[in-house]
Amino acid sequence: MGCIFAPLSATAMRNIQPRMAGAASGVLNTTRQVGGVVGSAVVGAVLQNRLATSLQDQAVVYSAQLPAQFRALFVNGFSHAAQGGLDVGRGQTGTQIPLPPGIPAAAAQQLAQIGKNVFVHGFINAMRPTLGVSIAVILVGAVSCLLIQRQKAADSAAKGREQVRQRQDKAVAAGR
């Protein structure tokens, strides 16, 4: 981040008149912070949406490995996981799902392992479209920079042609 923000600020403020530096800096920082907030919200919303869907899909797939009496409960647990909010972070592996009393230890261990697999694969599948959003924004920004650079070069070339034409007009006028 340090390799990006310092050159970004320097580039953005390069052609600003000193009397406008404070206002320009304020606009730059406000825009950057609003972009960060909106970007975080979009990424969070996409991740939560995809995670809720992916967990349910993975639970259906992995439930085939369970005894028949546990399948519906297992899929139902993951299907309704998003209703109470999704807490995803360090130490949360999806294996802390409360199990009904009286489940044999071997079945509980199998449920925990399959639950972990559902969470891991569901999270990986949810991250793909989430990262796709970030990649799309980066690509749009890169294309915008290229278009701005191309427009700047075209404007500079047009300005150069105009200066040459003005010099020629002055030379013609001086020669008369």
N, C-alpha and C. Protein backbone atom coordinates (compact mmCIF):
# COMPACT_ATOMS: atom_id res chain seq x y z
N MET A 1 0.83 -1.18 0.00
CA MET A 1 0.00 0.00 0.00
C MET A 1 0.88 1.25 0.00
N GLY A 2 1.98 1.17 0.71
CA GLY A 2 2.88 2.33 0.73
C GLY A 2 3.49 2.60 -0.62
N CYS A 3 3.67 1.56 -1.42
CA CYS A 3 4.22 1.74 -2.76
C CYS A 3 3.19 2.33 -3.71
N ILE A 4 1.92 2.31 -3.33
CA ILE A 4 0.87 2.84 -4.20
C ILE A 4 0.46 4.24 -3.79
N PHE A 5 0.22 4.46 -2.49
CA PHE A 5 -0.36 5.73 -2.07
C PHE A 5 0.57 6.93 -2.24
N ALA A 6 1.86 6.76 -1.99
CA ALA A 6 2.78 7.89 -2.16
C ALA A 6 2.85 8.34 -3.62
N PRO A 7 3.08 7.45 -4.59
CA PRO A 7 3.08 7.89 -5.98
C PRO A 7 1.71 8.39 -6.45
N LEU A 8 0.64 7.79 -5.93
CA LEU A 8 -0.71 8.23 -6.28
C LEU A 8 -0.92 9.68 -5.87
N SER A 9 -0.57 9.99 -4.65
CA SER A 9 -0.73 11.36 -4.16
C SER A 9 0.16 12.32 -4.94
N ALA A 10 1.40 11.92 -5.19
CA ALA A 10 2.32 12.79 -5.93
C ALA A 10 1.81 13.05 -7.34
N THR A 11 1.31 12.02 -8.00
CA THR A 11 0.79 12.18 -9.36
C THR A 11 -0.46 13.04 -9.37
N ALA A 12 -1.34 12.80 -8.43
CA ALA A 12 -2.59 13.56 -8.38
C ALA A 12 -2.35 15.03 -8.06
N MET A 13 -1.36 15.32 -7.26
CA MET A 13 -1.11 16.70 -6.82
C MET A 13 -0.07 17.43 -7.67
N ARG A 14 0.50 16.77 -8.66
CA ARG A 14 1.62 17.32 -9.43
C ARG A 14 1.30 18.67 -10.08
N ASN A 15 0.19 18.81 -10.72
CA ASN A 15 -0.12 20.02 -11.47
C ASN A 15 -1.10 20.95 -10.75
N ILE A 16 -1.26 20.78 -9.46
CA ILE A 16 -2.18 21.60 -8.68
C ILE A 16 -1.46 22.88 -8.26
N GLN A 17 -2.15 23.99 -8.42
CA GLN A 17 -1.58 25.27 -7.98
C GLN A 17 -1.49 25.27 -6.46
N PRO A 18 -0.46 25.88 -5.91
CA PRO A 18 -0.27 25.86 -4.44
C PRO A 18 -1.49 26.38 -3.67
N ARG A 19 -2.18 27.38 -4.19
CA ARG A 19 -3.33 27.92 -3.46
C ARG A 19 -4.50 26.94 -3.42
N MET A 20 -4.51 25.94 -4.32
CA MET A 20 -5.58 24.95 -4.36
C MET A 20 -5.17 23.61 -3.77
N ALA A 21 -3.95 23.53 -3.24
CA ALA A 21 -3.41 22.25 -2.76
C ALA A 21 -4.24 21.66 -1.62
N GLY A 22 -4.68 22.48 -0.69
CA GLY A 22 -5.48 21.97 0.43
C GLY A 22 -6.80 21.37 -0.03
N ALA A 23 -7.50 22.08 -0.89
CA ALA A 23 -8.78 21.59 -1.40
C ALA A 23 -8.58 20.33 -2.24
N ALA A 24 -7.58 20.32 -3.09
CA ALA A 24 -7.32 19.15 -3.93
C ALA A 24 -6.95 17.93 -3.09
N SER A 25 -6.15 18.15 -2.07
CA SER A 25 -5.76 17.05 -1.18
C SER A 25 -6.99 16.50 -0.45
N GLY A 26 -7.86 17.39 0.00
CA GLY A 26 -9.09 16.97 0.67
C GLY A 26 -9.99 16.15 -0.24
N VAL A 27 -10.14 16.60 -1.49
CA VAL A 27 -10.96 15.85 -2.45
C VAL A 27 -10.33 14.48 -2.73
N LEU A 28 -9.02 14.45 -2.91
CA LEU A 28 -8.32 13.19 -3.17
C LEU A 28 -8.52 12.21 -2.02
N ASN A 29 -8.31 12.65 -0.78
CA ASN A 29 -8.45 11.76 0.37
C ASN A 29 -9.89 11.32 0.58
N THR A 30 -10.84 12.23 0.38
CA THR A 30 -12.25 11.88 0.52
C THR A 30 -12.65 10.84 -0.52
N THR A 31 -12.23 11.06 -1.75
CA THR A 31 -12.54 10.11 -2.83
C THR A 31 -11.93 8.74 -2.53
N ARG A 32 -10.71 8.73 -2.06
CA ARG A 32 -10.05 7.47 -1.74
C ARG A 32 -10.78 6.73 -0.62
N GLN A 33 -11.20 7.46 0.42
CA GLN A 33 -11.89 6.82 1.53
C GLN A 33 -13.28 6.34 1.14
N VAL A 34 -14.01 7.14 0.36
CA VAL A 34 -15.33 6.70 -0.11
C VAL A 34 -15.19 5.47 -0.99
N GLY A 35 -14.19 5.46 -1.86
CA GLY A 35 -13.94 4.29 -2.70
C GLY A 35 -13.63 3.05 -1.87
N GLY A 36 -12.85 3.22 -0.82
CA GLY A 36 -12.54 2.09 0.05
C GLY A 36 -13.76 1.56 0.77
N VAL A 37 -14.62 2.45 1.23
CA VAL A 37 -15.83 2.03 1.94
C VAL A 37 -16.79 1.32 0.99
N VAL A 38 -17.01 1.92 -0.18
CA VAL A 38 -17.93 1.31 -1.16
C VAL A 38 -17.36 -0.02 -1.64
N GLY A 39 -16.07 -0.06 -1.92
CA GLY A 39 -15.44 -1.30 -2.36
C GLY A 39 -15.54 -2.40 -1.31
N SER A 40 -15.30 -2.07 -0.05
CA SER A 40 -15.41 -3.06 1.02
C SER A 40 -16.84 -3.56 1.16
N ALA A 41 -17.80 -2.66 1.04
CA ALA A 41 -19.21 -3.05 1.15
C ALA A 41 -19.60 -3.98 0.00
N VAL A 42 -19.18 -3.66 -1.20
CA VAL A 42 -19.52 -4.50 -2.36
C VAL A 42 -18.87 -5.88 -2.22
N VAL A 43 -17.60 -5.91 -1.88
CA VAL A 43 -16.91 -7.20 -1.73
C VAL A 43 -17.55 -8.01 -0.61
N GLY A 44 -17.88 -7.37 0.51
CA GLY A 44 -18.53 -8.07 1.61
C GLY A 44 -19.90 -8.62 1.23
N ALA A 45 -20.68 -7.82 0.50
CA ALA A 45 -22.01 -8.27 0.08
C ALA A 45 -21.92 -9.44 -0.89
N VAL A 46 -21.01 -9.34 -1.85
CA VAL A 46 -20.85 -10.44 -2.81
C VAL A 46 -20.37 -11.70 -2.10
N LEU A 47 -19.41 -11.55 -1.20
CA LEU A 47 -18.90 -12.72 -0.47
C LEU A 47 -20.00 -13.36 0.37
N GLN A 48 -20.77 -12.57 1.09
CA GLN A 48 -21.81 -13.15 1.93
C GLN A 48 -22.87 -13.85 1.09
N ASN A 49 -23.26 -13.22 -0.01
CA ASN A 49 -24.26 -13.83 -0.88
C ASN A 49 -23.76 -15.16 -1.45
N ARG A 50 -22.56 -15.14 -1.99
CA ARG A 50 -22.01 -16.34 -2.60
C ARG A 50 -21.72 -17.41 -1.56
N LEU A 51 -21.28 -17.00 -0.36
CA LEU A 51 -20.99 -17.97 0.69
C LEU A 51 -22.26 -18.68 1.15
N ALA A 52 -23.34 -17.93 1.31
CA ALA A 52 -24.61 -18.55 1.72
C ALA A 52 -25.06 -19.58 0.69
N THR A 53 -24.96 -19.23 -0.58
CA THR A 53 -25.36 -20.15 -1.64
C THR A 53 -24.41 -21.34 -1.74
N SER A 54 -23.14 -21.07 -1.67
CA SER A 54 -22.14 -22.11 -1.84
C SER A 54 -22.17 -23.11 -0.68
N LEU A 55 -22.38 -22.63 0.54
CA LEU A 55 -22.46 -23.55 1.67
C LEU A 55 -23.61 -24.53 1.51
N GLN A 56 -24.74 -24.02 1.06
CA GLN A 56 -25.90 -24.90 0.86
C GLN A 56 -25.61 -25.92 -0.25
N ASP A 57 -25.02 -25.45 -1.35
CA ASP A 57 -24.70 -26.35 -2.46
C ASP A 57 -23.70 -27.43 -2.04
N GLN A 58 -22.67 -27.04 -1.32
CA GLN A 58 -21.66 -28.00 -0.87
C GLN A 58 -22.24 -28.98 0.15
N ALA A 59 -23.14 -28.50 0.99
CA ALA A 59 -23.77 -29.38 1.98
C ALA A 59 -24.59 -30.46 1.27
N VAL A 60 -25.27 -30.10 0.20
CA VAL A 60 -26.04 -31.09 -0.56
C VAL A 60 -25.09 -32.13 -1.16
N VAL A 61 -23.98 -31.68 -1.73
CA VAL A 61 -23.03 -32.60 -2.35
C VAL A 61 -22.42 -33.54 -1.31
N TYR A 62 -21.93 -32.97 -0.20
CA TYR A 62 -21.23 -33.78 0.80
C TYR A 62 -22.17 -34.62 1.66
N SER A 63 -23.45 -34.26 1.70
CA SER A 63 -24.37 -35.02 2.54
C SER A 63 -24.54 -36.46 2.05
N ALA A 64 -24.19 -36.73 0.81
CA ALA A 64 -24.28 -38.09 0.29
C ALA A 64 -23.34 -39.04 1.03
N GLN A 65 -22.31 -38.50 1.69
CA GLN A 65 -21.37 -39.32 2.43
C GLN A 65 -21.87 -39.68 3.83
N LEU A 66 -22.99 -39.07 4.23
CA LEU A 66 -23.51 -39.27 5.58
C LEU A 66 -24.57 -40.37 5.61
N PRO A 67 -24.79 -40.96 6.79
CA PRO A 67 -25.92 -41.89 6.93
C PRO A 67 -27.23 -41.14 6.64
N ALA A 68 -28.20 -41.83 6.11
CA ALA A 68 -29.46 -41.22 5.66
C ALA A 68 -30.15 -40.41 6.75
N GLN A 69 -30.09 -40.83 8.02
CA GLN A 69 -30.81 -40.12 9.08
C GLN A 69 -30.23 -38.74 9.39
N PHE A 70 -28.98 -38.47 8.96
CA PHE A 70 -28.35 -37.17 9.24
C PHE A 70 -28.38 -36.21 8.05
N ARG A 71 -28.69 -36.68 6.87
CA ARG A 71 -28.57 -35.86 5.66
C ARG A 71 -29.44 -34.60 5.70
N ALA A 72 -30.71 -34.76 5.98
CA ALA A 72 -31.62 -33.61 5.96
C ALA A 72 -31.21 -32.57 7.01
N LEU A 73 -30.86 -33.02 8.21
CA LEU A 73 -30.44 -32.11 9.28
C LEU A 73 -29.15 -31.38 8.89
N PHE A 74 -28.23 -32.10 8.29
CA PHE A 74 -26.95 -31.53 7.87
C PHE A 74 -27.17 -30.44 6.82
N VAL A 75 -27.92 -30.75 5.77
CA VAL A 75 -28.17 -29.79 4.69
C VAL A 75 -28.96 -28.60 5.23
N ASN A 76 -29.94 -28.87 6.08
CA ASN A 76 -30.75 -27.81 6.66
C ASN A 76 -29.91 -26.85 7.49
N GLY A 77 -28.96 -27.38 8.24
CA GLY A 77 -28.08 -26.54 9.05
C GLY A 77 -27.28 -25.56 8.21
N PHE A 78 -26.74 -26.02 7.11
CA PHE A 78 -25.97 -25.14 6.24
C PHE A 78 -26.87 -24.22 5.43
N SER A 79 -28.07 -24.68 5.09
CA SER A 79 -28.99 -23.86 4.32
C SER A 79 -29.43 -22.64 5.11
N HIS A 80 -29.53 -22.79 6.42
CA HIS A 80 -30.00 -21.69 7.26
C HIS A 80 -28.85 -20.97 7.97
N ALA A 81 -27.62 -21.27 7.62
CA ALA A 81 -26.46 -20.67 8.28
C ALA A 81 -26.42 -19.17 8.10
N ALA A 82 -26.84 -18.66 6.95
CA ALA A 82 -26.75 -17.23 6.68
C ALA A 82 -27.82 -16.42 7.39
N GLN A 83 -28.86 -17.05 7.87
CA GLN A 83 -29.94 -16.31 8.52
C GLN A 83 -29.48 -15.63 9.80
N GLY A 84 -28.58 -16.23 10.52
CA GLY A 84 -28.07 -15.65 11.75
C GLY A 84 -26.83 -14.82 11.53
N GLY A 85 -26.45 -14.60 10.30
CA GLY A 85 -25.22 -13.88 9.98
C GLY A 85 -24.07 -14.86 9.85
N LEU A 86 -23.16 -14.53 8.97
CA LEU A 86 -22.01 -15.40 8.74
C LEU A 86 -20.79 -14.79 9.38
N ASP A 87 -20.19 -15.51 10.31
CA ASP A 87 -18.94 -15.08 10.91
C ASP A 87 -17.84 -15.92 10.31
N VAL A 88 -17.02 -15.27 9.52
CA VAL A 88 -15.94 -15.98 8.84
C VAL A 88 -14.64 -15.33 9.27
N GLY A 89 -13.75 -16.13 9.77
CA GLY A 89 -12.47 -15.58 10.18
C GLY A 89 -11.59 -16.65 10.77
N ARG A 90 -10.50 -16.22 11.34
CA ARG A 90 -9.52 -17.14 11.90
C ARG A 90 -10.15 -18.00 12.99
N GLY A 91 -9.93 -19.28 12.91
CA GLY A 91 -10.42 -20.20 13.92
C GLY A 91 -11.85 -20.66 13.68
N GLN A 92 -12.50 -20.14 12.67
CA GLN A 92 -13.87 -20.55 12.38
C GLN A 92 -13.85 -21.46 11.17
N THR A 93 -14.01 -22.74 11.42
CA THR A 93 -13.86 -23.72 10.36
C THR A 93 -15.17 -24.39 9.99
N GLY A 94 -16.25 -23.99 10.61
CA GLY A 94 -17.52 -24.61 10.31
C GLY A 94 -17.76 -25.88 11.10
N THR A 95 -16.84 -26.25 11.97
CA THR A 95 -17.01 -27.50 12.72
C THR A 95 -17.60 -27.25 14.11
N GLN A 96 -17.93 -26.04 14.45
CA GLN A 96 -18.50 -25.75 15.76
C GLN A 96 -20.03 -25.79 15.72
N ILE A 97 -20.60 -26.54 14.80
CA ILE A 97 -22.06 -26.66 14.70
C ILE A 97 -22.52 -27.55 15.84
N PRO A 98 -23.50 -27.08 16.63
CA PRO A 98 -23.98 -27.92 17.72
C PRO A 98 -24.70 -29.16 17.19
N LEU A 99 -24.32 -30.30 17.69
CA LEU A 99 -24.92 -31.56 17.25
C LEU A 99 -26.00 -31.98 18.23
N PRO A 100 -27.05 -32.64 17.72
CA PRO A 100 -28.10 -33.12 18.62
C PRO A 100 -27.53 -34.14 19.61
N PRO A 101 -28.11 -34.22 20.80
CA PRO A 101 -27.61 -35.20 21.79
C PRO A 101 -27.88 -36.63 21.34
N GLY A 102 -27.01 -37.51 21.79
CA GLY A 102 -27.17 -38.93 21.52
C GLY A 102 -26.56 -39.41 20.22
N ILE A 103 -25.79 -38.58 19.55
CA ILE A 103 -25.13 -39.00 18.32
C ILE A 103 -23.88 -39.77 18.70
N PRO A 104 -23.67 -40.95 18.10
CA PRO A 104 -22.46 -41.72 18.39
C PRO A 104 -21.20 -40.91 18.05
N ALA A 105 -20.14 -41.16 18.79
CA ALA A 105 -18.89 -40.41 18.62
C ALA A 105 -18.36 -40.51 17.19
N ALA A 106 -18.45 -41.69 16.57
CA ALA A 106 -17.95 -41.85 15.20
C ALA A 106 -18.76 -41.00 14.23
N ALA A 107 -20.06 -40.96 14.42
CA ALA A 107 -20.92 -40.14 13.55
C ALA A 107 -20.66 -38.67 13.77
N ALA A 108 -20.44 -38.27 15.03
CA ALA A 108 -20.14 -36.86 15.34
C ALA A 108 -18.84 -36.44 14.68
N GLN A 109 -17.85 -37.31 14.73
CA GLN A 109 -16.57 -37.00 14.09
C GLN A 109 -16.73 -36.91 12.57
N GLN A 110 -17.50 -37.81 12.00
CA GLN A 110 -17.75 -37.77 10.56
C GLN A 110 -18.50 -36.50 10.18
N LEU A 111 -19.49 -36.11 10.96
CA LEU A 111 -20.23 -34.86 10.70
C LEU A 111 -19.31 -33.66 10.79
N ALA A 112 -18.43 -33.65 11.79
CA ALA A 112 -17.49 -32.53 11.95
C ALA A 112 -16.54 -32.44 10.76
N GLN A 113 -16.00 -33.57 10.33
CA GLN A 113 -15.06 -33.57 9.19
C GLN A 113 -15.76 -33.14 7.91
N ILE A 114 -16.93 -33.67 7.67
CA ILE A 114 -17.66 -33.31 6.44
C ILE A 114 -18.11 -31.85 6.53
N GLY A 115 -18.49 -31.41 7.73
CA GLY A 115 -18.86 -29.99 7.92
C GLY A 115 -17.69 -29.07 7.60
N LYS A 116 -16.51 -29.47 8.03
CA LYS A 116 -15.31 -28.68 7.73
C LYS A 116 -15.06 -28.65 6.22
N ASN A 117 -15.19 -29.80 5.56
CA ASN A 117 -15.00 -29.86 4.11
C ASN A 117 -16.02 -28.98 3.38
N VAL A 118 -17.27 -29.00 3.85
CA VAL A 118 -18.30 -28.15 3.24
C VAL A 118 -17.91 -26.69 3.38
N PHE A 119 -17.47 -26.31 4.57
CA PHE A 119 -17.10 -24.91 4.79
C PHE A 119 -15.91 -24.51 3.94
N VAL A 120 -14.87 -25.32 3.94
CA VAL A 120 -13.66 -24.98 3.18
C VAL A 120 -13.96 -24.87 1.69
N HIS A 121 -14.63 -25.86 1.13
CA HIS A 121 -14.93 -25.82 -0.30
C HIS A 121 -15.96 -24.75 -0.63
N GLY A 122 -16.91 -24.55 0.26
CA GLY A 122 -17.90 -23.50 0.05
C GLY A 122 -17.25 -22.12 0.05
N PHE A 123 -16.31 -21.92 0.98
CA PHE A 123 -15.62 -20.63 1.06
C PHE A 123 -14.76 -20.40 -0.18
N ILE A 124 -14.05 -21.41 -0.62
CA ILE A 124 -13.21 -21.28 -1.82
C ILE A 124 -14.09 -20.95 -3.03
N ASN A 125 -15.22 -21.66 -3.17
CA ASN A 125 -16.12 -21.38 -4.29
C ASN A 125 -16.72 -19.98 -4.20
N ALA A 126 -16.96 -19.48 -2.99
CA ALA A 126 -17.52 -18.14 -2.82
C ALA A 126 -16.48 -17.06 -3.11
N MET A 127 -15.22 -17.36 -2.88
CA MET A 127 -14.17 -16.36 -3.11
C MET A 127 -13.94 -16.08 -4.59
N ARG A 128 -14.20 -17.04 -5.44
CA ARG A 128 -13.94 -16.84 -6.88
C ARG A 128 -14.71 -15.66 -7.45
N PRO A 129 -16.05 -15.59 -7.33
CA PRO A 129 -16.74 -14.42 -7.86
C PRO A 129 -16.41 -13.15 -7.09
N THR A 130 -16.10 -13.30 -5.80
CA THR A 130 -15.74 -12.13 -5.01
C THR A 130 -14.44 -11.51 -5.53
N LEU A 131 -13.47 -12.35 -5.80
CA LEU A 131 -12.22 -11.84 -6.39
C LEU A 131 -12.45 -11.33 -7.80
N GLY A 132 -13.40 -11.94 -8.51
CA GLY A 132 -13.75 -11.47 -9.85
C GLY A 132 -14.22 -10.02 -9.85
N VAL A 133 -14.97 -9.63 -8.82
CA VAL A 133 -15.42 -8.24 -8.70
C VAL A 133 -14.21 -7.32 -8.57
N SER A 134 -13.27 -7.69 -7.71
CA SER A 134 -12.07 -6.87 -7.51
C SER A 134 -11.24 -6.79 -8.78
N ILE A 135 -11.09 -7.90 -9.47
CA ILE A 135 -10.32 -7.92 -10.71
C ILE A 135 -11.00 -7.06 -11.77
N ALA A 136 -12.32 -7.12 -11.85
CA ALA A 136 -13.05 -6.29 -12.82
C ALA A 136 -12.84 -4.81 -12.55
N VAL A 137 -12.87 -4.42 -11.28
CA VAL A 137 -12.65 -3.00 -10.94
C VAL A 137 -11.23 -2.58 -11.31
N ILE A 138 -10.25 -3.44 -11.05
CA ILE A 138 -8.87 -3.12 -11.41
C ILE A 138 -8.73 -2.98 -12.93
N LEU A 139 -9.36 -3.88 -13.68
CA LEU A 139 -9.30 -3.79 -15.15
C LEU A 139 -9.96 -2.52 -15.67
N VAL A 140 -11.10 -2.15 -15.11
CA VAL A 140 -11.76 -0.91 -15.51
C VAL A 140 -10.85 0.29 -15.22
N GLY A 141 -10.21 0.28 -14.06
CA GLY A 141 -9.28 1.36 -13.72
C GLY A 141 -8.09 1.41 -14.68
N ALA A 142 -7.55 0.25 -15.03
CA ALA A 142 -6.40 0.21 -15.95
C ALA A 142 -6.80 0.72 -17.33
N VAL A 143 -7.96 0.29 -17.81
CA VAL A 143 -8.43 0.76 -19.12
C VAL A 143 -8.68 2.26 -19.08
N SER A 144 -9.25 2.75 -17.98
CA SER A 144 -9.47 4.19 -17.84
C SER A 144 -8.16 4.96 -17.90
N CYS A 145 -7.14 4.45 -17.21
CA CYS A 145 -5.82 5.11 -17.24
C CYS A 145 -5.25 5.14 -18.65
N LEU A 146 -5.39 4.02 -19.37
CA LEU A 146 -4.88 3.98 -20.74
C LEU A 146 -5.63 4.97 -21.64
N LEU A 147 -6.93 5.05 -21.47
CA LEU A 147 -7.71 5.99 -22.28
C LEU A 147 -7.37 7.44 -21.94
N ILE A 148 -7.17 7.71 -20.66
CA ILE A 148 -6.77 9.06 -20.25
C ILE A 148 -5.40 9.40 -20.83
N GLN A 149 -4.48 8.44 -20.76
CA GLN A 149 -3.13 8.65 -21.30
C GLN A 149 -3.19 8.90 -22.80
N ARG A 150 -4.01 8.11 -23.50
CA ARG A 150 -4.15 8.27 -24.95
C ARG A 150 -4.75 9.64 -25.29
N GLN A 151 -5.77 10.05 -24.51
CA GLN A 151 -6.39 11.36 -24.74
C GLN A 151 -5.40 12.48 -24.47
N LYS A 152 -4.61 12.32 -23.42
CA LYS A 152 -3.61 13.33 -23.08
C LYS A 152 -2.57 13.45 -24.21
N ALA A 153 -2.16 12.31 -24.77
CA ALA A 153 -1.20 12.33 -25.87
C ALA A 153 -1.82 12.98 -27.11
N ALA A 154 -3.08 12.69 -27.38
CA ALA A 154 -3.76 13.30 -28.53
C ALA A 154 -3.90 14.80 -28.33
N ASP A 155 -4.25 15.21 -27.12
CA ASP A 155 -4.38 16.65 -26.83
C ASP A 155 -3.03 17.34 -26.97
N SER A 156 -1.98 16.68 -26.50
CA SER A 156 -0.63 17.24 -26.60
C SER A 156 -0.21 17.38 -28.06
N ALA A 157 -0.51 16.37 -28.88
CA ALA A 157 -0.18 16.43 -30.30
C ALA A 157 -0.97 17.54 -30.99
N ALA A 158 -2.23 17.68 -30.66
CA ALA A 158 -3.06 18.74 -31.25
C ALA A 158 -2.54 20.11 -30.86
N LYS A 159 -2.11 20.25 -29.62
CA LYS A 159 -1.56 21.52 -29.14
C LYS A 159 -0.27 21.84 -29.89
N GLY A 160 0.56 20.82 -30.10
CA GLY A 160 1.81 21.01 -30.86
C GLY A 160 1.54 21.44 -32.29
N ARG A 161 0.55 20.81 -32.94
CA ARG A 161 0.19 21.20 -34.31
C ARG A 161 -0.32 22.63 -34.35
N GLU A 162 -1.10 23.00 -33.34
CA GLU A 162 -1.63 24.37 -33.27
C GLU A 162 -0.50 25.39 -33.11
N GLN A 163 0.49 25.06 -32.29
CA GLN A 163 1.63 25.96 -32.11
C GLN A 163 2.43 26.10 -33.40
N VAL A 164 2.63 25.00 -34.11
CA VAL A 164 3.35 25.05 -35.39
C VAL A 164 2.57 25.91 -36.38
N ARG A 165 1.26 25.73 -36.45
CA ARG A 165 0.43 26.52 -37.36
C ARG A 165 0.51 28.00 -37.01
N GLN A 166 0.49 28.34 -35.71
CA GLN A 166 0.58 29.74 -35.29
C GLN A 166 1.93 30.34 -35.68
N ARG A 167 3.02 29.55 -35.51
CA ARG A 167 4.34 30.04 -35.90
C ARG A 167 4.41 30.28 -37.41
N GLN A 168 3.82 29.35 -38.17
CA GLN A 168 3.80 29.52 -39.63
C GLN A 168 3.00 30.75 -40.02
N ASP A 169 1.87 30.97 -39.35
CA ASP A 169 1.05 32.16 -39.64
C ASP A 169 1.82 33.43 -39.31
N LYS A 170 2.56 33.44 -38.20
CA LYS A 170 3.36 34.61 -37.82
C LYS A 170 4.46 34.83 -38.85
N ALA A 171 5.11 33.73 -39.28
CA ALA A 171 6.20 33.87 -40.26
C ALA A 171 5.65 34.40 -41.58
N VAL A 172 4.50 33.93 -41.99
CA VAL A 172 3.89 34.43 -43.24
C VAL A 172 3.52 35.88 -43.10
N ALA A 173 2.97 36.24 -41.91
CA ALA A 173 2.56 37.62 -41.68
C ALA A 173 3.78 38.54 -41.62
N ALA A 174 4.89 38.06 -41.04
CA ALA A 174 6.10 38.87 -40.93
C ALA A 174 6.78 39.02 -42.30
N GLY A 175 6.59 38.03 -43.15
CA GLY A 175 7.23 38.05 -44.47
C GLY A 175 6.50 38.99 -45.43
N ARG A 176 5.34 39.39 -45.17
CA ARG A 176 4.58 40.29 -46.07
C ARG A 176 4.96 41.68 -45.95
